[in-house]
């Protein structure tokens, strides 16, 4: 696996996954949200629903990858209250 993208279910993370795949890289896309809530899902990526709160979970998510792009964040109430403004 060339790269892992945390926060891959978000707007920016999804676009980063697409760009990495376009470069010919293999990508593990990770997000805590269920796949049906991701902005975009790329079939060519290894899509993983996983909460990254613990060290063991983080280590498992990045195992065997050469690059890590960490975009995961808890947007909390701000994201849900402003979601309609972002689209």
C-alpha atoms as a PDB file:
ATOM      1  CA  UNK A   1       0.000   0.000   0.000  1.00  0.00           C
ATOM      2  CA  UNK A   2       1.459   3.338  -1.033  1.00  0.00           C
ATOM      3  CA  UNK A   3      -0.605   5.727   1.066  1.00  0.00           C
ATOM      4  CA  UNK A   4      -3.246   6.031   3.748  1.00  0.00           C
ATOM      5  CA  UNK A   5      -5.589   9.019   3.951  1.00  0.00           C
ATOM      6  CA  UNK A   6      -7.362   9.614   7.247  1.00  0.00           C
ATOM      7  CA  UNK A   7     -10.497  11.700   6.966  1.00  0.00           C
ATOM      8  CA  UNK A   8     -10.997  10.224   3.500  1.00  0.00           C
ATOM      9  CA  UNK A   9     -14.772  10.493   3.796  1.00  0.00           C
ATOM     10  CA  UNK A  10     -14.576  14.270   3.993  1.00  0.00           C
ATOM     11  CA  UNK A  11     -14.598  16.732   1.122  1.00  0.00           C
ATOM     12  CA  UNK A  12     -10.840  17.391   1.017  1.00  0.00           C
ATOM     13  CA  UNK A  13      -9.895  13.820   1.961  1.00  0.00           C
ATOM     14  CA  UNK A  14     -11.992  12.389  -0.842  1.00  0.00           C
ATOM     15  CA  UNK A  15     -10.347  14.663  -3.379  1.00  0.00           C
ATOM     16  CA  UNK A  16      -6.899  13.721  -2.071  1.00  0.00           C
ATOM     17  CA  UNK A  17      -7.736  10.022  -2.464  1.00  0.00           C
ATOM     18  CA  UNK A  18      -8.801  10.707  -6.063  1.00  0.00           C
ATOM     19  CA  UNK A  19      -5.563  12.571  -6.793  1.00  0.00           C
ATOM     20  CA  UNK A  20      -3.382   9.826  -5.321  1.00  0.00           C
ATOM     21  CA  UNK A  21      -5.242   7.156  -7.292  1.00  0.00           C
ATOM     22  CA  UNK A  22      -4.811   9.237 -10.464  1.00  0.00           C
ATOM     23  CA  UNK A  23      -1.046   9.179  -9.796  1.00  0.00           C
ATOM     24  CA  UNK A  24      -1.232   5.389  -9.841  1.00  0.00           C
ATOM     25  CA  UNK A  25      -0.811   4.943  -6.092  1.00  0.00           C
ATOM     26  CA  UNK A  26      -2.573   2.319  -4.021  1.00  0.00           C
ATOM     27  CA  UNK A  27      -4.586   4.005  -1.287  1.00  0.00           C
ATOM     28  CA  UNK A  28      -6.198   2.990   1.991  1.00  0.00           C
ATOM     29  CA  UNK A  29      -9.001   5.499   2.648  1.00  0.00           C
ATOM     30  CA  UNK A  30      -9.995   5.684   6.328  1.00  0.00           C
ATOM     31  CA  UNK A  31     -12.829   7.551   8.035  1.00  0.00           C
ATOM     32  CA  UNK A  32     -14.949   7.057  11.152  1.00  0.00           C
ATOM     33  CA  UNK A  33     -18.167   7.740   9.246  1.00  0.00           C
ATOM     34  CA  UNK A  34     -20.086   4.900   7.567  1.00  0.00           C
ATOM     35  CA  UNK A  35     -19.349   4.660   3.830  1.00  0.00           C
ATOM     36  CA  UNK A  36     -22.812   5.901   2.885  1.00  0.00           C
ATOM     37  CA  UNK A  37     -21.985   9.224   4.607  1.00  0.00           C
ATOM     38  CA  UNK A  38     -18.687   9.817   2.759  1.00  0.00           C
ATOM     39  CA  UNK A  39     -18.539  12.714   0.266  1.00  0.00           C
ATOM     40  CA  UNK A  40     -17.146  10.292  -2.307  1.00  0.00           C
ATOM     41  CA  UNK A  41     -16.128   6.637  -2.272  1.00  0.00           C
ATOM     42  CA  UNK A  42     -13.464   5.358  -4.669  1.00  0.00           C
ATOM     43  CA  UNK A  43     -13.782   1.698  -5.616  1.00  0.00           C
ATOM     44  CA  UNK A  44     -10.077   1.526  -6.470  1.00  0.00           C
ATOM     45  CA  UNK A  45      -9.141   2.403  -2.873  1.00  0.00           C
ATOM     46  CA  UNK A  46      -9.276   0.160   0.165  1.00  0.00           C
ATOM     47  CA  UNK A  47     -12.126   1.941   1.976  1.00  0.00           C
ATOM     48  CA  UNK A  48     -12.115   1.423   5.738  1.00  0.00           C
ATOM     49  CA  UNK A  49     -14.559   2.630   8.364  1.00  0.00           C
ATOM     50  CA  UNK A  50     -12.497   2.939  11.517  1.00  0.00           C
ATOM     51  CA  UNK A  51     -12.366   5.291  14.505  1.00  0.00           C
ATOM     52  CA  UNK A  52      -8.763   6.396  15.068  1.00  0.00           C
ATOM     53  CA  UNK A  53      -8.973   7.336  18.742  1.00  0.00           C
ATOM     54  CA  UNK A  54      -6.605   4.644  20.046  1.00  0.00           C
ATOM     55  CA  UNK A  55      -2.948   4.002  19.250  1.00  0.00           C
ATOM     56  CA  UNK A  56      -3.595   0.366  18.292  1.00  0.00           C
ATOM     57  CA  UNK A  57      -6.270   1.401  15.814  1.00  0.00           C
ATOM     58  CA  UNK A  58      -3.988   4.062  14.329  1.00  0.00           C
ATOM     59  CA  UNK A  59      -1.112   1.629  13.968  1.00  0.00           C
ATOM     60  CA  UNK A  60      -3.382  -0.870  12.219  1.00  0.00           C
ATOM     61  CA  UNK A  61      -4.674   1.820   9.849  1.00  0.00           C
ATOM     62  CA  UNK A  62      -1.190   2.839   8.700  1.00  0.00           C
ATOM     63  CA  UNK A  63       0.437  -0.616   8.741  1.00  0.00           C
ATOM     64  CA  UNK A  64       2.300  -1.360   5.548  1.00  0.00           C
ATOM     65  CA  UNK A  65       1.939   2.099   4.025  1.00  0.00           C
ATOM     66  CA  UNK A  66       4.726   4.359   2.792  1.00  0.00           C
ATOM     67  CA  UNK A  67       2.893   7.696   3.185  1.00  0.00           C
ATOM     68  CA  UNK A  68       0.316   9.007   5.655  1.00  0.00           C
ATOM     69  CA  UNK A  69      -1.949  11.970   4.953  1.00  0.00           C
ATOM     70  CA  UNK A  70      -3.727  12.842   8.187  1.00  0.00           C
ATOM     71  CA  UNK A  71      -6.868  14.869   7.499  1.00  0.00           C
ATOM     72  CA  UNK A  72      -9.148  13.364  10.139  1.00  0.00           C
ATOM     73  CA  UNK A  73     -10.776  15.832  12.514  1.00  0.00           C
ATOM     74  CA  UNK A  74     -13.814  15.981  14.746  1.00  0.00           C
ATOM     75  CA  UNK A  75     -15.732  18.932  13.340  1.00  0.00           C
ATOM     76  CA  UNK A  76     -18.446  18.546  15.977  1.00  0.00           C
ATOM     77  CA  UNK A  77     -21.430  20.868  15.952  1.00  0.00           C
ATOM     78  CA  UNK A  78     -19.818  23.345  13.569  1.00  0.00           C
ATOM     79  CA  UNK A  79     -19.884  20.907  10.667  1.00  0.00           C
ATOM     80  CA  UNK A  80     -23.481  19.842  11.104  1.00  0.00           C
ATOM     81  CA  UNK A  81     -24.741  23.387  11.596  1.00  0.00           C
ATOM     82  CA  UNK A  82     -22.840  24.772   8.569  1.00  0.00           C
ATOM     83  CA  UNK A  83     -23.079  21.817   6.174  1.00  0.00           C
ATOM     84  CA  UNK A  84     -25.693  23.467   3.952  1.00  0.00           C
ATOM     85  CA  UNK A  85     -23.438  26.519   3.548  1.00  0.00           C
ATOM     86  CA  UNK A  86     -20.543  24.386   2.306  1.00  0.00           C
ATOM     87  CA  UNK A  87     -22.375  22.932  -0.690  1.00  0.00           C
END
